[in-house]
Each structure stands twice: as structure tokens, then as C-alpha cells.
Amino acid sequence: MVAIPLTINDRPLAIEMDPQTPLLWALRDAVNLTGAKYGCGNGDCGACMVLVDGTALRSCLVTLGEAEGRFVQTIEGLSRGGLHPVQQALVDEGAIQCGFCTPGMVMAIVGLLDRTARPSEDDIAAAIPNICRCGAYPRIKRAILRASGQRLPRREQAEETPAPGFETAPGSDPT
């Protein structure tokens, strides 16, 4: 084993693991940062997204050796003392459901907004490859626009119509 120096969430560390170990497992097993999730292991889902030198990367595809000497930011290091504006926007838009994809999604969005303050729909589509099994994509897109300070489009009628079985009963207060 060799000690691989890198900085994680502004903390210089040396991780003693095989340099070919995926960064995801180094974060989870050696540093106990479990926010980045193992979803697919081949870079398709984005659940393991972290920022490496400010760029959103899938940590299952980056080796510990490739991260040597670099700055890694995980969801745990994103905000100290409250929600990051991206996290707050996701909450405000009701874009978090099961939460499994949320850490990777947040990191991808932060990476996008750090590069492009007012992203277009094409920018969003290109920068956010994450899979949300709950299908919250319209709300996620609205959250990205909210976090970037852009004017939100009018909600689609389909989004505002309750799903069957979730209608408000007559005479009840939905709040």
C-alpha cells in the first residue's frame, strides 16, 4: 500500500489504499464519507458524483491514484451550518423524493452553476447526467433555475394536478 495525498473537503489527507481503488470506495471506506452512493459502478447513474478540482466527476470511475494531489469536495463538505442554495432550491421545488440520487445530483448541479451561472436548458441537459428513479426531472430543472436566480417557468398543468388517489377530500384542509 502507498499513501495517496489529496485534499477532501478542505482537509489534507493521505489515504493508504491501492492507487487503483475507485475514489468512491476510498471516500466511503477510508474516510467514512458515505454521501456519495454506489449506484451502478460503471458511471451511468451519477449517484457517486463528487467535485474534483471543481469539476463534477463520477467517483466510481476515478481512481484514488488519479485523485492524487487534487481537491475533492463531497456532499458532506458542501455547506457548513445550513443548506447550500442548491439543496434549498431542491427542497423548495419538492424535487427530493427517495433521496438516493440527491447527493450526486446536488454535486452535479453545483459543478454546473460554478461554471455557468445562468445555464440554459441545453447546459442543464449536458451537465446533469444523473438518473433519478423517482422521475423528479421537471422539479429538478426548476430547482436548478431557482438556484441560479433565473425566472421560473410556469408550472405545467400536469404537475399541478394531483395523482389519482391524492385528491383533496371535500371539506378538508390540504395544509
Protein backbone atom coordinates (compact mmCIF):
# COMPACT_ATOMS: atom_id res chain seq x y z
CA MET A 1 0.00 0.00 0.00
CA VAL A 2 1.06 3.52 -0.65
CA ALA A 3 -0.22 6.73 0.97
CA ILE A 4 -2.02 8.86 -1.62
CA PRO A 5 -2.12 12.56 -0.65
CA LEU A 6 -5.19 14.58 -1.57
CA THR A 7 -7.45 17.20 -0.03
CA ILE A 8 -11.01 16.20 0.82
CA ASN A 9 -13.45 18.88 1.92
CA ASP A 10 -10.56 21.28 2.62
CA ARG A 11 -8.80 18.68 4.79
CA PRO A 12 -5.40 17.39 3.60
CA LEU A 13 -5.28 13.61 3.90
CA ALA A 14 -3.09 10.71 2.90
CA ILE A 15 -5.11 7.59 2.17
CA GLU A 16 -3.31 4.25 2.38
CA MET A 17 -5.02 2.14 -0.27
CA ASP A 18 -4.23 0.64 -3.62
CA PRO A 19 -3.96 3.54 -6.12
CA GLN A 20 -6.34 1.64 -8.45
CA THR A 21 -9.13 1.75 -5.85
CA PRO A 22 -12.10 3.77 -7.11
CA LEU A 23 -12.27 7.14 -5.36
CA LEU A 24 -15.83 6.25 -4.30
CA TRP A 25 -14.57 3.38 -2.14
CA ALA A 26 -11.70 5.41 -0.74
CA LEU A 27 -14.18 8.09 0.34
CA ARG A 28 -16.65 5.61 1.80
CA ASP A 29 -14.27 3.06 3.35
CA ALA A 30 -11.15 5.02 4.33
CA VAL A 31 -12.64 8.42 5.16
CA ASN A 32 -16.18 7.37 6.19
CA LEU A 33 -17.82 9.88 3.84
CA THR A 34 -20.87 7.94 2.72
CA GLY A 35 -22.82 10.68 0.94
CA ALA A 36 -21.60 9.59 -2.49
CA LYS A 37 -23.61 6.47 -3.25
CA TYR A 38 -22.77 3.30 -5.14
CA GLY A 39 -25.47 3.03 -7.76
CA CYS A 40 -24.22 1.24 -10.85
CA GLY A 41 -20.43 1.10 -10.63
CA ASN A 42 -19.94 1.99 -14.29
CA GLY A 43 -20.64 5.73 -14.39
CA ASP A 44 -24.17 5.63 -15.77
CA CYS A 45 -26.26 6.80 -12.81
CA GLY A 46 -24.32 9.69 -11.25
CA ALA A 47 -25.16 8.71 -7.66
CA CYS A 48 -21.45 8.84 -6.79
CA MET A 49 -20.80 12.34 -8.21
CA VAL A 50 -18.25 14.50 -6.37
CA LEU A 51 -16.32 17.61 -7.36
CA VAL A 52 -12.66 17.07 -8.21
CA ASP A 53 -10.85 20.37 -8.65
CA GLY A 54 -14.30 21.94 -9.12
CA THR A 55 -15.45 19.56 -11.87
CA ALA A 56 -18.29 17.12 -11.25
CA LEU A 57 -16.95 13.59 -11.76
CA ARG A 58 -18.32 10.13 -11.14
CA SER A 59 -16.19 8.85 -8.27
CA CYS A 60 -16.73 5.22 -9.29
CA LEU A 61 -14.72 5.95 -12.46
CA VAL A 62 -11.88 7.98 -10.90
CA THR A 63 -9.14 6.01 -9.19
CA LEU A 64 -7.54 7.11 -5.97
CA GLY A 65 -4.26 7.43 -7.89
CA GLU A 66 -5.90 9.79 -10.39
CA ALA A 67 -7.13 11.92 -7.48
CA GLU A 68 -3.64 12.25 -6.03
CA GLY A 69 -2.81 15.84 -5.15
CA ARG A 70 -6.27 17.06 -6.16
CA PHE A 71 -9.07 18.80 -4.25
CA VAL A 72 -12.15 16.64 -3.72
CA GLN A 73 -15.42 18.01 -2.43
CA THR A 74 -18.20 15.71 -1.31
CA ILE A 75 -21.77 16.46 -0.28
CA GLU A 76 -20.59 16.40 3.35
CA GLY A 77 -18.23 19.32 2.71
CA LEU A 78 -20.60 21.35 0.59
CA SER A 79 -22.08 23.51 3.29
CA ARG A 80 -21.22 24.15 6.86
CA GLY A 81 -24.08 25.36 9.04
CA GLY A 82 -27.15 25.06 6.84
CA LEU A 83 -28.32 24.07 3.42
CA HIS A 84 -26.39 25.06 0.31
CA PRO A 85 -28.57 27.17 -2.06
CA VAL A 86 -28.83 24.18 -4.44
CA GLN A 87 -30.06 21.95 -1.63
CA GLN A 88 -32.56 24.61 -0.55
CA ALA A 89 -33.83 25.01 -4.12
CA LEU A 90 -34.37 21.24 -4.39
CA VAL A 91 -36.35 21.33 -1.14
CA ASP A 92 -38.35 24.38 -2.26
CA GLU A 93 -39.29 22.69 -5.53
CA GLY A 94 -40.19 19.37 -3.90
CA ALA A 95 -37.55 17.70 -6.05
CA ILE A 96 -36.32 15.27 -3.41
CA GLN A 97 -38.25 12.06 -3.11
CA CYS A 98 -36.40 8.90 -2.09
CA GLY A 99 -33.12 10.83 -1.73
CA PHE A 100 -30.77 8.17 -3.10
CA CYS A 101 -29.68 10.24 -6.12
CA THR A 102 -29.77 13.54 -4.24
CA PRO A 103 -26.11 13.84 -3.13
CA GLY A 104 -24.79 13.10 -6.62
CA MET A 105 -27.42 15.33 -8.20
CA VAL A 106 -26.53 18.21 -5.86
CA MET A 107 -22.83 17.89 -6.67
CA ALA A 108 -23.51 17.82 -10.43
CA ILE A 109 -25.72 20.93 -10.13
CA VAL A 110 -23.14 22.77 -8.01
CA GLY A 111 -20.48 21.94 -10.60
CA LEU A 112 -22.72 23.29 -13.36
CA LEU A 113 -23.62 26.50 -11.53
CA ASP A 114 -19.99 27.14 -10.58
CA ARG A 115 -19.13 27.07 -14.30
CA THR A 116 -22.31 28.57 -15.75
CA ALA A 117 -24.19 31.00 -13.51
CA ARG A 118 -27.31 31.09 -15.69
CA PRO A 119 -27.48 27.75 -17.51
CA SER A 120 -29.75 27.15 -20.49
CA GLU A 121 -31.86 24.02 -20.83
CA ASP A 122 -29.17 22.60 -23.11
CA ASP A 123 -26.49 23.37 -20.47
CA ILE A 124 -28.58 21.58 -17.86
CA ALA A 125 -29.18 18.54 -20.07
CA ALA A 126 -25.47 18.25 -20.88
CA ALA A 127 -24.20 18.76 -17.31
CA ILE A 128 -26.69 16.69 -15.31
CA PRO A 129 -26.45 13.07 -16.48
CA ASN A 130 -27.79 11.74 -13.17
CA ILE A 131 -30.56 9.20 -13.09
CA CYS A 132 -33.46 9.87 -10.74
CA ARG A 133 -35.50 6.70 -10.43
CA CYS A 134 -38.36 8.72 -8.93
CA GLY A 135 -38.63 10.78 -12.13
CA ALA A 136 -38.48 14.21 -10.47
CA TYR A 137 -36.76 15.76 -13.50
CA PRO A 138 -39.19 18.69 -14.07
CA ARG A 139 -38.81 19.71 -10.42
CA ILE A 140 -35.06 19.21 -10.53
CA LYS A 141 -34.86 21.51 -13.56
CA ARG A 142 -36.95 24.12 -11.75
CA ALA A 143 -34.66 23.82 -8.73
CA ILE A 144 -31.61 24.45 -10.93
CA LEU A 145 -33.26 27.55 -12.37
CA ARG A 146 -34.25 28.69 -8.86
CA ALA A 147 -30.72 28.18 -7.54
CA SER A 148 -29.31 30.16 -10.47
CA GLY A 149 -31.72 33.03 -9.80
CA GLN A 150 -33.49 32.68 -13.13
CA ARG A 151 -37.17 33.29 -13.62
CA LEU A 152 -39.05 30.04 -13.18
CA PRO A 153 -41.32 28.89 -15.99
CA ARG A 154 -44.99 28.47 -15.20
CA ARG A 155 -45.67 25.02 -13.83
CA GLU A 156 -47.23 22.63 -16.28
CA GLN A 157 -50.87 21.75 -15.62
CA ALA A 158 -49.92 18.08 -15.33
CA GLU A 159 -47.52 18.86 -12.47
CA GLU A 160 -50.21 20.73 -10.55
CA THR A 161 -52.87 18.06 -10.98
CA PRO A 162 -52.77 15.59 -8.09
CA ALA A 163 -52.15 11.97 -8.97
CA PRO A 164 -55.21 9.70 -8.69
CA GLY A 165 -55.85 8.89 -5.06
CA PHE A 166 -54.14 12.09 -3.86
CA GLU A 167 -57.01 14.48 -4.46
CA THR A 168 -58.10 16.62 -1.54
CA ALA A 169 -61.27 15.36 0.09
CA PRO A 170 -64.22 17.80 0.08
CA GLY A 171 -64.20 19.97 3.18
CA SER A 172 -60.65 19.04 4.18
CA ASP A 173 -57.76 21.44 4.57
CA PRO A 174 -54.81 20.33 2.41
CA THR A 175 -52.28 22.24 4.55
